[in-house]
Amino acid sequence: MNTATMSITTDASAAETIWKQIEVSESYLVCSMYEEAASLASSILKHFQDDSSGVATQDMLESTAMVLVQSLNQLGRAPEIVNQLTSYFTTVKTIPVQVLLTGVCFQIAEGSISGTREFLEEFLNGWNLGDGQYVAVIAEANTECYSEYNRHLILGIDEYLEVVEVYAMTLLATVLKDVDLAISWVENASLPEENRQGLRRRLNSMQSSKSTKFSQVSSPTSDSEAYFVNEQNMSEGSHKGQHSDNRKYTSKIVPRLAERIEPCFWCFRAINLKFGNKKFVISSGKIMLGCLVLSIYYVYRRKQATIKRMVRRQITAVKRALVDLWELAFSYEVNPLAAVQPIADAANQGR
């Protein structure tokens, strides 16, 4: 067996061993053993980073990194995802797109956006659009020859646009609420013109909606609108404040709502009656009971004729049924000798 054959056999054996380890890490993840899954996935990625034999494929990298990302999220360590991915890959551009999107979305969902913007910008910058795909050139070190070489990366347009969607629409425009910056980035980015126009229309719509909302806040047309705008601003501020601010907001808003609601229920207050030197207090419960009795009496008076007609109809039906039953019982002719006739006939036949 020559050297080339031995090398192929060794690489195949190493790849098979790595895939078994990846399957074990996935089994840990499925069994909710997140610590073990994260630890094993980290070890595999570290091995890929130190190994210069080139055994690791894109599928291996994506599967292992996805296990790590999901495990960190389940462990409540989502803010670490971006840093962890950066440490295991030579550049951000070499991170598989689905892994990158999953990790960024986990961080945004947890409200941890520190470093996320720079992370996405580093990935998106430096790609050139041509021939239906994106191409980027990065410099990587060759540890064996102590030199650098240029590595060409290829990315599909759809994959690139998925990252653009998360960066421009989700992070900049929605989370950071900087629509102007998102529009500026879309204008200057290397995007297919059709997709650029679509993103621009959506961002302009968000900007016009934001401007309309701002104009309503700055110039309310009535006291009621000013009240609701003020409450909306307080509500938005309460999400950013601490728990004490929420309690302070509640202590302010509850009395105001009570003042507005109270006049609507004046009829349920207690009534004070005074006859000479005697004073009577009728509680709200008695008022409600009296109103209920009056309502029942009113309905009864209005429907009295109908109720009587229904009762009369039922009585007539029952009476007719009893009469029919009585006639049926006593109209049937009973022959008192019917019971002994068979005996007599039997006697005559015996003779």
Foldseek 3Di string as FASTA:
>chain_A
DDPVVVVVVVLVVVLVVLVVLLVVLVVCVVVVVLVVSLVSLLVSLVCVQPDPPPSDDLVSQQSSLQSNLVSCLSVVNLLCSLVSVCVSDPFLQSRDLVSLVSSLVSCVVVVHCVVVLVSLVRNQPQWDDDDQWTKHWDWDADVVVRGIDIDIDIGGQVSSVVSLCCNLVPVQCPVVVPLVVSLVCLVPGNHDPVVSVVVNVVSVVSVVVVVVLVVCQVDPPDPVSVVVSVLVVLVVVVVVDDPVSVVVSVVVVVVVVCVVCVVVPPVQAWDWDDDPPDIDIHHSVNVVVVVVVVVVVVVCVVCVVVVVVVVVVVVVVVVVVVVVVVCVVPVDDDDPCPVCVVVVVVVVVVD
